[in-house]
Amino acid sequence: MNQSNPSFPTFVKDLKLNSRLWTGDTLRLGIYYRLLCLASECKPYGYLADGDSPYNLASISAMTCLSDEGQLLSAVQELQHIRAIGRDAKGRLYVPYLVQHEKKKRVAQKNGKKGGNPNLRNDQKNLPKDNPRLNDRPGLQPQLHLHHQRIPPKSPIENQTGEVPWAQRLAGFVSSGLWMPEWGPKPNEAGCLAPSDLLQAHAGK
């Protein structure tokens, strides 16, 4: 899972550009937002995948707490039809909104390291003469812009009720073997954090 993007921007104006998504079925829109949240936590960012390995429907269902896989499949197909969800050559589903935003952010970061807008920036070092306040105070140095460290969330991913969806996680592990590192040890490993009663219920499956 991607720990370098603990949040993502939601620009309503951008989302409304896809009128068929915005004015369509509200259930489909709700499922889209769940997929949006999941994709923002995956690596690569914006993809419903673990690296080059795409998540299957059962895994996506478990991680988004959507128990009706048929309903999820129908929504994904509709979202692909209106281009709110895409699929690449490796078979990985992705959210174009997040992927495009990530590309823009990387370009902005690259330009920022070089001094800002490539059409406006000056590649020369910022000299004291460029800042009148430094001319009168020779002991000061030009201020350096430091990148703020992003601190990933410490708690496990929770559902809307505030409870950790262990049942869905265990179901996904049984069906596909998928288990995220931040969830702790796997169900078949010592020290698993899932409730013992749920572990026993899934042990024989």
Foldseek 3Di string as FASTA:
>chain_A
DAQQQQDDDDDPVVVCVLVCLVPDDPVLVVLLVLLQVCQCREPVRFWCAHVLGADDLLLSCLSSVPPPSVVSVVSQVVCVVSPQWHADPSRIIGGVVGVVVVVVVVVQVVCVVQPGDPVPGDNDDDDLVNPVVCVVPVVDDDDDDDDDGDDGDLDDDPDPVRHRSLLSQLSSCLVPVDDDVSQPDDLVDPPRPRDPVSSVVSVVD
